[in-house]
Structure formats: structure tokens, C-alpha cells
């Protein structure tokens, strides 16, 4: 997965150095998980996964990893299964074995041939524009007649 034995025409991927938290392949966790730094998941998480606010966190999900819940992190490399929406303020990389069932909200996205998304790809700038437009609409004061 990290580009050590690449065939012709394959791109190299940088392996995040210094993993702060590792969820092992035989581990199944139920409940929401908040993290900072680099989180690598080989096991299963049944709950939402989110990076701590104002953090340069990275999430990596291996081929054997599964997340059943929403995912929120600035940067992520997904090679496993996610059943839920994915929110990234910076970069999402979907490798060839990524299987996402849910919408992906992104700023930058890289998608390898073979990755599967069953949902919408929504660019962050468009989402922010629609939210700003809603905030600037005149509001009706229900107390006035």
C-alpha cells in the first residue's frame, strides 16, 4: 500500500511517519473516537471518527479497516470501507480498494482506479457558498404582524 513494491505506472504514496494511534486488525471498537496526530485503522470502528478541532491530523484506513459512522479529518488516506459521510477540510485520497457508502465533502481529492463511492462528491467551496447564502437571506420575524 505504501509504494515499496510498485509496478510500472503506479504512483508512489508517502507513508505517514510516526503513527500516534493504531487500531489493530483484530480490534472492534464501538463508540465515537476523537483523535489528534496520525490515526491508523486496521480494525473496525462502529461510531464517528473525528480529528480534534484546529489540528493537522491525518487518518489512514487500511484495506482491512472499516468505519461505520461519519469521518471528519483534515487529511485522510482511505483504502478500506466507510459506511457514512466523509468530511475533509484539506485532502482525501481514495486508493484502489476504498469502498465508501456515503457522501464525500472535500477540498482536494485523489481517486485511484478501482475506488468505489456510493454517494456524492461535494467540493467544500460549493458547500461553504450555499451555507453563506442561507446566512445572508432575510429572516422573517414571527413576532411582528
N, C-alpha and C. Protein backbone atom coordinates (compact mmCIF):
# COMPACT_ATOMS: atom_id res chain seq x y z
N UNK A 1 0.80 -1.19 0.00
CA UNK A 1 0.00 0.00 0.00
C UNK A 1 0.84 1.26 0.00
N UNK A 2 2.02 1.24 0.55
CA UNK A 2 2.80 2.45 0.71
C UNK A 2 3.84 2.66 -0.38
N UNK A 3 3.81 1.87 -1.43
CA UNK A 3 4.67 2.14 -2.55
C UNK A 3 6.03 1.49 -2.50
N UNK A 4 6.23 0.45 -1.67
CA UNK A 4 7.53 -0.20 -1.62
C UNK A 4 7.78 -1.09 -2.83
N UNK A 5 6.79 -1.83 -3.26
CA UNK A 5 6.94 -2.74 -4.39
C UNK A 5 5.99 -2.31 -5.50
N UNK A 6 6.31 -1.23 -6.15
CA UNK A 6 5.42 -0.69 -7.17
C UNK A 6 5.73 -1.26 -8.53
N UNK A 7 4.66 -1.52 -9.26
CA UNK A 7 4.81 -1.95 -10.64
C UNK A 7 4.92 -0.75 -11.54
N UNK A 8 5.08 -1.01 -12.83
CA UNK A 8 5.21 0.06 -13.79
C UNK A 8 3.94 0.89 -13.85
N UNK A 9 4.06 2.21 -13.83
CA UNK A 9 2.93 3.10 -13.97
C UNK A 9 2.22 3.43 -12.66
N UNK A 10 2.60 2.82 -11.56
CA UNK A 10 1.95 3.13 -10.29
C UNK A 10 2.65 4.31 -9.64
N UNK A 11 1.87 5.12 -8.93
CA UNK A 11 2.44 6.27 -8.25
C UNK A 11 2.90 5.88 -6.86
N UNK A 12 3.87 6.60 -6.37
CA UNK A 12 4.33 6.33 -5.00
C UNK A 12 3.45 7.09 -4.03
N UNK A 13 3.22 6.50 -2.88
CA UNK A 13 2.46 7.14 -1.83
C UNK A 13 3.39 7.32 -0.65
N UNK A 14 3.29 8.46 0.00
CA UNK A 14 4.13 8.69 1.16
C UNK A 14 3.47 8.07 2.38
N UNK A 15 4.21 7.32 3.10
CA UNK A 15 3.72 6.74 4.35
C UNK A 15 3.86 7.78 5.44
N UNK A 16 2.76 8.03 6.14
CA UNK A 16 2.89 8.98 7.25
C UNK A 16 3.91 8.46 8.25
N UNK A 17 4.85 9.30 8.64
CA UNK A 17 5.84 8.89 9.64
C UNK A 17 5.20 8.91 11.00
N UNK A 18 5.64 8.32 12.00
CA UNK A 18 5.17 8.43 13.38
C UNK A 18 3.65 8.34 13.57
N UNK A 19 3.11 7.16 13.54
CA UNK A 19 1.70 6.95 13.84
C UNK A 19 1.49 7.16 15.33
N UNK A 20 0.53 8.02 15.69
CA UNK A 20 0.26 8.30 17.10
C UNK A 20 -0.68 7.26 17.70
N UNK A 21 -1.68 6.80 16.92
CA UNK A 21 -2.66 5.86 17.42
C UNK A 21 -2.90 4.78 16.38
N UNK A 22 -2.92 3.52 16.82
CA UNK A 22 -3.13 2.38 15.93
C UNK A 22 -4.29 1.54 16.45
N UNK A 23 -5.27 1.28 15.59
CA UNK A 23 -6.36 0.37 15.91
C UNK A 23 -6.05 -0.92 15.14
N UNK A 24 -5.71 -1.99 15.86
CA UNK A 24 -5.27 -3.24 15.25
C UNK A 24 -6.36 -3.98 14.50
N UNK A 25 -5.92 -4.89 13.64
CA UNK A 25 -6.82 -5.63 12.75
C UNK A 25 -7.85 -6.46 13.52
N UNK A 26 -7.52 -6.99 14.66
CA UNK A 26 -8.44 -7.81 15.44
C UNK A 26 -9.29 -6.99 16.42
N UNK A 27 -9.18 -5.66 16.35
CA UNK A 27 -9.89 -4.78 17.29
C UNK A 27 -11.20 -4.29 16.69
N UNK A 28 -12.27 -4.38 17.48
CA UNK A 28 -13.55 -3.77 17.11
C UNK A 28 -13.94 -2.83 18.23
N UNK A 29 -14.14 -1.58 17.87
CA UNK A 29 -14.47 -0.55 18.85
C UNK A 29 -15.86 0.00 18.57
N UNK A 30 -16.67 0.17 19.62
CA UNK A 30 -17.99 0.76 19.47
C UNK A 30 -18.02 2.07 20.23
N UNK A 31 -18.42 3.14 19.54
CA UNK A 31 -18.46 4.46 20.15
C UNK A 31 -17.67 5.45 19.31
N UNK A 32 -17.86 6.71 19.59
CA UNK A 32 -17.18 7.76 18.84
C UNK A 32 -15.73 7.88 19.26
N UNK A 33 -14.88 8.25 18.30
CA UNK A 33 -13.45 8.37 18.54
C UNK A 33 -12.98 9.74 18.08
N UNK A 34 -12.33 10.47 18.97
CA UNK A 34 -11.73 11.75 18.64
C UNK A 34 -10.22 11.58 18.76
N UNK A 35 -9.47 12.10 17.78
CA UNK A 35 -8.02 11.89 17.78
C UNK A 35 -7.28 13.14 17.35
N UNK A 36 -5.99 13.14 17.60
CA UNK A 36 -5.09 14.16 17.08
C UNK A 36 -3.85 13.44 16.56
N UNK A 37 -3.08 14.11 15.75
CA UNK A 37 -1.90 13.47 15.18
C UNK A 37 -2.29 12.54 14.04
N UNK A 38 -1.66 11.37 14.01
CA UNK A 38 -1.92 10.40 12.94
C UNK A 38 -2.59 9.17 13.53
N UNK A 39 -3.75 8.83 12.99
CA UNK A 39 -4.51 7.65 13.40
C UNK A 39 -4.50 6.66 12.25
N UNK A 40 -4.09 5.42 12.52
CA UNK A 40 -4.10 4.36 11.51
C UNK A 40 -5.06 3.27 11.99
N UNK A 41 -6.01 2.90 11.12
CA UNK A 41 -7.03 1.91 11.48
C UNK A 41 -6.90 0.68 10.60
N UNK A 42 -6.66 -0.46 11.25
CA UNK A 42 -6.68 -1.77 10.58
C UNK A 42 -7.93 -2.55 10.97
N UNK A 43 -8.56 -2.18 12.08
CA UNK A 43 -9.71 -2.90 12.62
C UNK A 43 -11.02 -2.24 12.23
N UNK A 44 -12.02 -2.38 13.12
CA UNK A 44 -13.37 -1.88 12.86
C UNK A 44 -13.78 -0.89 13.94
N UNK A 45 -14.33 0.24 13.50
CA UNK A 45 -14.88 1.22 14.41
C UNK A 45 -16.35 1.42 14.05
N UNK A 46 -17.23 1.19 15.03
CA UNK A 46 -18.66 1.43 14.85
C UNK A 46 -19.00 2.69 15.64
N UNK A 47 -18.88 3.80 14.97
CA UNK A 47 -19.09 5.11 15.59
C UNK A 47 -18.41 6.16 14.73
N UNK A 48 -18.59 7.41 15.10
CA UNK A 48 -18.00 8.52 14.35
C UNK A 48 -16.52 8.67 14.71
N UNK A 49 -15.73 9.04 13.71
CA UNK A 49 -14.29 9.28 13.90
C UNK A 49 -14.03 10.72 13.51
N UNK A 50 -13.46 11.51 14.45
CA UNK A 50 -13.21 12.91 14.13
C UNK A 50 -11.89 13.37 14.74
N UNK A 51 -11.24 14.24 13.98
CA UNK A 51 -9.99 14.84 14.46
C UNK A 51 -10.33 15.97 15.40
N UNK A 52 -9.46 16.21 16.37
CA UNK A 52 -9.64 17.33 17.29
C UNK A 52 -9.65 18.63 16.49
N UNK A 53 -10.45 19.61 16.90
CA UNK A 53 -10.52 20.88 16.16
C UNK A 53 -9.16 21.55 16.05
N UNK A 54 -9.01 22.39 15.03
CA UNK A 54 -7.78 23.13 14.72
C UNK A 54 -6.53 22.28 14.86
N UNK A 55 -6.56 21.14 14.17
CA UNK A 55 -5.47 20.17 14.25
C UNK A 55 -5.08 19.73 12.84
N UNK A 56 -3.82 19.47 12.60
CA UNK A 56 -3.35 18.98 11.30
C UNK A 56 -3.32 17.46 11.33
N UNK A 57 -4.43 16.84 11.68
CA UNK A 57 -4.50 15.40 11.85
C UNK A 57 -4.61 14.67 10.51
N UNK A 58 -4.14 13.41 10.52
CA UNK A 58 -4.21 12.55 9.35
C UNK A 58 -4.82 11.22 9.77
N UNK A 59 -5.78 10.75 8.98
CA UNK A 59 -6.40 9.45 9.21
C UNK A 59 -6.00 8.53 8.06
N UNK A 60 -5.50 7.34 8.38
CA UNK A 60 -5.26 6.33 7.36
C UNK A 60 -6.09 5.10 7.70
N UNK A 61 -6.80 4.60 6.71
CA UNK A 61 -7.65 3.42 6.86
C UNK A 61 -7.12 2.36 5.92
N UNK A 62 -6.65 1.23 6.48
CA UNK A 62 -6.06 0.19 5.64
C UNK A 62 -7.14 -0.62 4.94
N UNK A 63 -6.72 -1.49 4.06
CA UNK A 63 -7.62 -2.35 3.30
C UNK A 63 -8.51 -3.19 4.22
N UNK A 64 -7.99 -3.59 5.36
CA UNK A 64 -8.76 -4.41 6.30
C UNK A 64 -9.59 -3.56 7.26
N UNK A 65 -9.45 -2.24 7.21
CA UNK A 65 -10.15 -1.36 8.14
C UNK A 65 -11.55 -1.02 7.70
N UNK A 66 -12.43 -0.81 8.70
CA UNK A 66 -13.83 -0.45 8.45
C UNK A 66 -14.27 0.61 9.46
N UNK A 67 -14.98 1.61 8.97
CA UNK A 67 -15.59 2.61 9.83
C UNK A 67 -17.07 2.67 9.48
N UNK A 68 -17.92 2.48 10.49
CA UNK A 68 -19.36 2.60 10.33
C UNK A 68 -19.80 3.83 11.09
N UNK A 69 -19.76 4.97 10.43
CA UNK A 69 -20.10 6.25 11.04
C UNK A 69 -19.47 7.36 10.23
N UNK A 70 -19.71 8.59 10.63
CA UNK A 70 -19.15 9.73 9.93
C UNK A 70 -17.67 9.87 10.24
N UNK A 71 -16.93 10.35 9.25
CA UNK A 71 -15.49 10.55 9.39
C UNK A 71 -15.20 12.03 9.13
N UNK A 72 -14.44 12.64 10.03
CA UNK A 72 -14.09 14.04 9.86
C UNK A 72 -12.63 14.24 10.26
N UNK A 73 -11.81 14.63 9.27
CA UNK A 73 -10.39 14.89 9.49
C UNK A 73 -9.88 15.79 8.37
N UNK A 74 -8.86 16.60 8.65
CA UNK A 74 -8.33 17.45 7.59
C UNK A 74 -7.79 16.66 6.40
N UNK A 75 -6.99 15.63 6.67
CA UNK A 75 -6.40 14.81 5.61
C UNK A 75 -6.65 13.34 5.90
N UNK A 76 -6.89 12.57 4.84
CA UNK A 76 -7.09 11.14 5.03
C UNK A 76 -6.72 10.35 3.80
N UNK A 77 -6.25 9.13 4.07
CA UNK A 77 -5.95 8.15 3.03
C UNK A 77 -6.83 6.94 3.33
N UNK A 78 -7.77 6.68 2.44
CA UNK A 78 -8.74 5.62 2.67
C UNK A 78 -8.51 4.48 1.70
N UNK A 79 -8.30 3.29 2.26
CA UNK A 79 -8.10 2.09 1.44
C UNK A 79 -9.04 0.98 1.90
N UNK A 80 -9.90 1.27 2.87
CA UNK A 80 -10.83 0.28 3.39
C UNK A 80 -12.26 0.70 3.13
N UNK A 81 -13.16 0.33 4.06
CA UNK A 81 -14.59 0.56 3.90
C UNK A 81 -15.08 1.61 4.88
N UNK A 82 -15.85 2.57 4.37
CA UNK A 82 -16.51 3.57 5.21
C UNK A 82 -17.99 3.56 4.86
N UNK A 83 -18.82 3.36 5.88
CA UNK A 83 -20.27 3.46 5.71
C UNK A 83 -20.70 4.69 6.51
N UNK A 84 -20.78 5.81 5.82
CA UNK A 84 -21.09 7.09 6.44
C UNK A 84 -20.44 8.20 5.63
N UNK A 85 -20.79 9.42 5.95
CA UNK A 85 -20.24 10.57 5.22
C UNK A 85 -18.79 10.84 5.64
N UNK A 86 -18.02 11.35 4.68
CA UNK A 86 -16.61 11.67 4.88
C UNK A 86 -16.45 13.19 4.71
N UNK A 87 -15.85 13.84 5.70
CA UNK A 87 -15.65 15.30 5.67
C UNK A 87 -14.17 15.59 5.81
N UNK A 88 -13.62 16.29 4.82
CA UNK A 88 -12.20 16.66 4.86
C UNK A 88 -12.05 18.13 4.51
N UNK A 89 -11.31 18.86 5.33
CA UNK A 89 -11.07 20.27 5.05
C UNK A 89 -9.85 20.46 4.16
N UNK A 90 -9.04 19.41 3.99
CA UNK A 90 -7.83 19.54 3.19
C UNK A 90 -7.82 18.55 2.03
N UNK A 91 -7.53 17.28 2.30
CA UNK A 91 -7.26 16.33 1.22
C UNK A 91 -7.79 14.94 1.55
N UNK A 92 -8.43 14.32 0.55
CA UNK A 92 -8.87 12.93 0.65
C UNK A 92 -8.20 12.14 -0.47
N UNK A 93 -7.58 11.03 -0.09
CA UNK A 93 -7.01 10.13 -1.09
C UNK A 93 -7.75 8.80 -0.99
N UNK A 94 -8.37 8.38 -2.09
CA UNK A 94 -9.05 7.10 -2.16
C UNK A 94 -8.19 6.16 -2.98
N UNK A 95 -7.68 5.12 -2.35
CA UNK A 95 -6.84 4.18 -3.06
C UNK A 95 -7.72 3.14 -3.76
N UNK A 96 -7.11 2.23 -4.47
CA UNK A 96 -7.84 1.31 -5.35
C UNK A 96 -8.86 0.44 -4.63
N UNK A 97 -8.65 0.13 -3.37
CA UNK A 97 -9.58 -0.75 -2.65
C UNK A 97 -10.54 0.00 -1.72
N UNK A 98 -10.59 1.31 -1.82
CA UNK A 98 -11.51 2.10 -0.99
C UNK A 98 -12.95 1.83 -1.40
N UNK A 99 -13.83 1.67 -0.41
CA UNK A 99 -15.26 1.46 -0.63
C UNK A 99 -16.00 2.41 0.30
N UNK A 100 -16.59 3.46 -0.26
CA UNK A 100 -17.27 4.48 0.54
C UNK A 100 -18.76 4.44 0.21
N UNK A 101 -19.59 4.29 1.24
CA UNK A 101 -21.04 4.38 1.08
C UNK A 101 -21.47 5.61 1.87
N UNK A 102 -21.58 6.72 1.18
CA UNK A 102 -21.91 8.00 1.80
C UNK A 102 -21.32 9.12 0.97
N UNK A 103 -21.64 10.33 1.32
CA UNK A 103 -21.14 11.50 0.60
C UNK A 103 -19.73 11.85 1.06
N UNK A 104 -18.95 12.40 0.13
CA UNK A 104 -17.60 12.86 0.46
C UNK A 104 -17.55 14.37 0.26
N UNK A 105 -17.26 15.09 1.34
CA UNK A 105 -17.09 16.53 1.31
C UNK A 105 -15.58 16.80 1.36
N UNK A 106 -15.06 17.48 0.34
CA UNK A 106 -13.61 17.57 0.20
C UNK A 106 -13.18 18.94 -0.31
N UNK A 107 -11.90 19.24 -0.12
CA UNK A 107 -11.28 20.39 -0.75
C UNK A 107 -10.47 19.90 -1.95
N UNK A 108 -9.59 18.93 -1.72
CA UNK A 108 -8.84 18.26 -2.78
C UNK A 108 -9.11 16.77 -2.68
N UNK A 109 -9.23 16.10 -3.82
CA UNK A 109 -9.47 14.66 -3.80
C UNK A 109 -8.61 13.98 -4.85
N UNK A 110 -8.10 12.82 -4.48
CA UNK A 110 -7.34 11.97 -5.41
C UNK A 110 -7.99 10.60 -5.34
N UNK A 111 -8.37 10.08 -6.49
CA UNK A 111 -9.10 8.81 -6.52
C UNK A 111 -8.43 7.86 -7.50
N UNK A 112 -7.99 6.71 -7.00
CA UNK A 112 -7.33 5.72 -7.85
C UNK A 112 -8.38 4.88 -8.58
N UNK A 113 -7.98 4.34 -9.72
CA UNK A 113 -8.86 3.46 -10.46
C UNK A 113 -9.17 2.24 -9.60
N UNK A 114 -10.45 1.91 -9.47
CA UNK A 114 -10.88 0.80 -8.65
C UNK A 114 -11.58 1.24 -7.38
N UNK A 115 -11.34 2.48 -6.95
CA UNK A 115 -12.03 3.00 -5.76
C UNK A 115 -13.51 3.13 -6.07
N UNK A 116 -14.35 2.92 -5.05
CA UNK A 116 -15.79 2.93 -5.24
C UNK A 116 -16.43 3.91 -4.27
N UNK A 117 -17.28 4.80 -4.82
CA UNK A 117 -18.01 5.75 -3.99
C UNK A 117 -19.49 5.61 -4.33
N UNK A 118 -20.28 5.24 -3.34
CA UNK A 118 -21.73 5.17 -3.49
C UNK A 118 -22.32 6.34 -2.71
N UNK A 119 -22.30 7.49 -3.35
CA UNK A 119 -22.74 8.74 -2.74
C UNK A 119 -22.29 9.88 -3.63
N UNK A 120 -22.36 11.07 -3.12
CA UNK A 120 -21.99 12.25 -3.89
C UNK A 120 -20.60 12.74 -3.50
N UNK A 121 -19.91 13.34 -4.47
CA UNK A 121 -18.66 14.04 -4.22
C UNK A 121 -19.01 15.53 -4.18
N UNK A 122 -18.80 16.17 -3.04
CA UNK A 122 -19.22 17.55 -2.86
C UNK A 122 -18.00 18.39 -2.50
N UNK A 123 -17.64 19.30 -3.41
CA UNK A 123 -16.48 20.16 -3.19
C UNK A 123 -16.79 21.15 -2.08
N UNK A 124 -15.86 21.34 -1.16
CA UNK A 124 -16.05 22.18 0.03
C UNK A 124 -16.44 23.61 -0.31
N UNK A 125 -15.87 24.20 -1.34
CA UNK A 125 -16.16 25.59 -1.68
C UNK A 125 -17.64 25.76 -2.01
N UNK A 126 -18.23 24.79 -2.71
CA UNK A 126 -19.65 24.87 -3.05
C UNK A 126 -20.50 24.78 -1.79
N UNK A 127 -20.14 23.91 -0.88
CA UNK A 127 -20.89 23.76 0.37
C UNK A 127 -20.82 25.05 1.17
N UNK A 128 -19.65 25.65 1.25
CA UNK A 128 -19.50 26.88 2.02
C UNK A 128 -20.28 28.01 1.39
N UNK A 129 -20.33 28.10 0.04
CA UNK A 129 -21.09 29.15 -0.62
C UNK A 129 -22.57 29.01 -0.31
N UNK A 130 -23.11 27.80 -0.34
CA UNK A 130 -24.53 27.63 -0.07
C UNK A 130 -24.87 27.95 1.38
N UNK A 131 -23.97 27.62 2.30
CA UNK A 131 -24.20 27.96 3.70
C UNK A 131 -24.17 29.47 3.89
N UNK A 132 -23.21 30.14 3.24
CA UNK A 132 -23.13 31.59 3.34
C UNK A 132 -24.37 32.25 2.75
N UNK A 133 -24.87 31.73 1.63
CA UNK A 133 -26.06 32.29 1.01
C UNK A 133 -27.26 32.17 1.94
N UNK A 134 -27.40 31.06 2.63
CA UNK A 134 -28.51 30.88 3.56
C UNK A 134 -28.39 31.85 4.74
N UNK A 135 -27.17 32.12 5.19
CA UNK A 135 -26.97 33.03 6.32
C UNK A 135 -27.32 34.47 5.96
N UNK A 136 -27.23 34.84 4.68
CA UNK A 136 -27.48 36.21 4.27
C UNK A 136 -28.90 36.44 3.78
N UNK A 137 -29.75 35.44 3.75
CA UNK A 137 -31.13 35.63 3.34
C UNK A 137 -31.87 36.38 4.44
N UNK A 138 -32.79 37.27 4.05
CA UNK A 138 -33.56 37.99 5.08
C UNK A 138 -34.41 37.01 5.88
N UNK A 139 -34.45 37.21 7.18
CA UNK A 139 -35.23 36.34 8.03
C UNK A 139 -36.51 37.05 8.43
N UNK A 140 -37.57 36.27 8.51
CA UNK A 140 -38.85 36.82 8.91
C UNK A 140 -38.96 36.79 10.42
N UNK A 141 -39.38 37.88 10.96
CA UNK A 141 -39.59 37.95 12.40
C UNK A 141 -41.03 37.54 12.67
N UNK A 142 -41.22 36.39 13.29
CA UNK A 142 -42.55 35.85 13.52
C UNK A 142 -43.30 36.60 14.62
N UNK A 143 -42.61 37.43 15.39
CA UNK A 143 -43.29 38.16 16.45
C UNK A 143 -44.01 39.39 15.90
N UNK A 144 -43.59 39.89 14.73
CA UNK A 144 -44.26 41.04 14.12
C UNK A 144 -45.44 40.57 13.30
N UNK A 145 -46.45 41.42 13.22
CA UNK A 145 -47.64 41.09 12.43
C UNK A 145 -47.89 42.12 11.38
